[in-house]
C-alpha atoms as a PDB file:
ATOM      1  CA  MET A   1     144.849 160.787  -0.204  1.00  0.00           C
ATOM      2  CA  TYR A   2     142.112 161.291  -2.836  1.00  0.00           C
ATOM      3  CA  VAL A   3     139.440 160.073  -0.464  1.00  0.00           C
ATOM      4  CA  GLU A   4     140.468 162.679   2.119  1.00  0.00           C
ATOM      5  CA  PHE A   5     140.651 165.320  -0.520  1.00  0.00           C
ATOM      6  CA  GLY A   6     137.113 164.403  -1.659  1.00  0.00           C
ATOM      7  CA  ARG A   7     135.855 164.561   1.908  1.00  0.00           C
ATOM      8  CA  LEU A   8     137.402 168.031   2.422  1.00  0.00           C
ATOM      9  CA  GLN A   9     135.886 169.225  -0.818  1.00  0.00           C
ATOM     10  CA  THR A  10     132.565 167.868   0.192  1.00  0.00           C
ATOM     11  CA  ARG A  11     132.593 169.600   3.502  1.00  0.00           C
ATOM     12  CA  ASP A  12     133.621 172.905   2.001  1.00  0.00           C
ATOM     13  CA  MET A  13     130.848 172.572  -0.617  1.00  0.00           C
ATOM     14  CA  LEU A  14     128.204 171.899   1.972  1.00  0.00           C
ATOM     15  CA  GLN A  15     129.341 174.721   4.171  1.00  0.00           C
ATOM     16  CA  HIS A  16     129.069 176.947   1.146  1.00  0.00           C
ATOM     17  CA  LEU A  17     125.483 175.680   0.201  1.00  0.00           C
ATOM     18  CA  TRP A  18     124.295 176.088   3.804  1.00  0.00           C
ATOM     19  CA  THR A  19     125.777 179.508   4.678  1.00  0.00           C
ATOM     20  CA  SER A  20     126.183 181.393   1.417  1.00  0.00           C
ATOM     21  CA  PRO A  21     123.404 183.678  -0.047  1.00  0.00           C
ATOM     22  CA  THR A  22     122.048 180.701  -1.917  1.00  0.00           C
ATOM     23  CA  SER A  23     121.065 179.225   1.355  1.00  0.00           C
ATOM     24  CA  ASN A  24     117.886 181.269   1.074  1.00  0.00           C
ATOM     25  CA  ALA A  25     117.024 179.627  -2.316  1.00  0.00           C
ATOM     26  CA  SER A  26     114.175 177.172  -2.537  1.00  0.00           C
ATOM     27  CA  VAL A  27     116.369 174.083  -2.780  1.00  0.00           C
ATOM     28  CA  ASP A  28     116.918 170.906  -0.849  1.00  0.00           C
ATOM     29  CA  VAL A  29     120.489 169.928  -0.091  1.00  0.00           C
ATOM     30  CA  VAL A  30     120.637 166.098   0.407  1.00  0.00           C
ATOM     31  CA  GLN A  31     123.845 164.529   1.455  1.00  0.00           C
ATOM     32  CA  GLY A  32     124.153 160.735   0.599  1.00  0.00           C
ATOM     33  CA  SER A  33     126.828 158.493   1.630  1.00  0.00           C
ATOM     34  CA  ARG A  34     128.758 159.200  -1.606  1.00  0.00           C
ATOM     35  CA  SER A  35     126.997 162.080  -3.145  1.00  0.00           C
ATOM     36  CA  VAL A  36     125.433 165.454  -2.593  1.00  0.00           C
ATOM     37  CA  GLU A  37     122.302 166.509  -4.465  1.00  0.00           C
ATOM     38  CA  VAL A  38     120.909 169.972  -4.836  1.00  0.00           C
ATOM     39  CA  ARG A  39     117.276 169.924  -6.028  1.00  0.00           C
ATOM     40  CA  PRO A  40     114.838 172.719  -6.451  1.00  0.00           C
ATOM     41  CA  ILE A  41     111.801 172.497  -4.242  1.00  0.00           C
ATOM     42  CA  CYS A  42     108.442 171.918  -6.015  1.00  0.00           C
ATOM     43  CA  VAL A  43     110.077 170.684  -9.315  1.00  0.00           C
ATOM     44  CA  THR A  44     109.271 167.030  -9.658  1.00  0.00           C
ATOM     45  CA  LYS A  45     109.856 164.656 -12.462  1.00  0.00           C
ATOM     46  CA  GLY A  46     106.232 164.984 -13.413  1.00  0.00           C
ATOM     47  CA  VAL A  47     106.503 168.687 -13.778  1.00  0.00           C
ATOM     48  CA  THR A  48     109.748 168.442 -15.744  1.00  0.00           C
ATOM     49  CA  ILE A  49     108.225 165.903 -18.148  1.00  0.00           C
ATOM     50  CA  VAL A  50     105.230 168.104 -18.824  1.00  0.00           C
ATOM     51  CA  CYS A  51     107.535 171.072 -19.560  1.00  0.00           C
ATOM     52  CA  ILE A  52     109.918 168.962 -21.787  1.00  0.00           C
ATOM     53  CA  SER A  53     106.993 167.311 -23.733  1.00  0.00           C
ATOM     54  CA  GLY A  54     105.356 170.691 -24.150  1.00  0.00           C
ATOM     55  CA  GLU A  55     108.637 172.116 -25.686  1.00  0.00           C
ATOM     56  CA  ILE A  56     108.956 169.092 -28.009  1.00  0.00           C
ATOM     57  CA  VAL A  57     105.404 169.484 -29.233  1.00  0.00           C
ATOM     58  CA  HIS A  58     105.784 173.268 -29.471  1.00  0.00           C
ATOM     59  CA  SER A  59     109.187 173.183 -31.384  1.00  0.00           C
ATOM     60  CA  LYS A  60     108.431 170.332 -33.719  1.00  0.00           C
ATOM     61  CA  SER A  61     105.174 169.612 -35.737  1.00  0.00           C
ATOM     62  CA  ILE A  62     104.383 166.319 -34.165  1.00  0.00           C
ATOM     63  CA  LEU A  63     101.195 164.927 -35.732  1.00  0.00           C
ATOM     64  CA  ALA A  64     100.630 161.988 -33.400  1.00  0.00           C
ATOM     65  CA  PRO A  65     100.056 162.611 -29.672  1.00  0.00           C
ATOM     66  CA  ILE A  66     102.570 161.414 -27.239  1.00  0.00           C
ATOM     67  CA  LYS A  67     101.150 158.207 -25.709  1.00  0.00           C
ATOM     68  CA  TYR A  68     103.610 157.428 -23.021  1.00  0.00           C
ATOM     69  CA  VAL A  69     106.695 158.707 -21.242  1.00  0.00           C
ATOM     70  CA  LEU A  70     108.982 156.613 -19.018  1.00  0.00           C
ATOM     71  CA  CYS A  71     110.640 158.693 -16.318  1.00  0.00           C
ATOM     72  CA  VAL A  72     112.790 156.659 -13.945  1.00  0.00           C
ATOM     73  CA  GLY A  73     114.451 157.879 -10.707  1.00  0.00           C
ATOM     74  CA  HIS A  74     114.404 157.597  -7.011  1.00  0.00           C
ATOM     75  CA  SER A  75     112.181 159.590  -4.664  1.00  0.00           C
ATOM     76  CA  LEU A  76     114.120 159.159  -1.352  1.00  0.00           C
ATOM     77  CA  GLY A  77     110.916 158.311   0.420  1.00  0.00           C
ATOM     78  CA  LYS A  78     109.006 161.326  -0.802  1.00  0.00           C
ATOM     79  CA  VAL A  79     105.544 161.114  -2.042  1.00  0.00           C
ATOM     80  CA  CYS A  80     105.789 162.700  -5.478  1.00  0.00           C
ATOM     81  CA  ASN A  81     103.433 163.230  -8.348  1.00  0.00           C
ATOM     82  CA  ARG A  82     102.970 160.266 -10.437  1.00  0.00           C
ATOM     83  CA  TYR A  83     103.596 161.982 -13.825  1.00  0.00           C
ATOM     84  CA  LEU A  84      99.893 162.186 -14.685  1.00  0.00           C
ATOM     85  CA  LYS A  85      98.779 165.006 -16.944  1.00  0.00           C
ATOM     86  CA  SER A  86      95.268 166.064 -16.536  1.00  0.00           C
END
């Protein structure tokens, strides 16, 4: 019963994501075997880390530079930026 309810909810959510006004948004909708991910296009882990570390440095007076940041995740076969800050 719960499995079927989950399938119905997933189907309804995917229909909404693909046909609603948000379907024109710059997002990827990725359906996995047991999950649905909605990710903004052109926002990578590297870009996110740069923004977060900038906020940390800006909001707190950190005297020592940040030497390293570990960011773990999966890329689903996409080539993504390797978290390097130039």
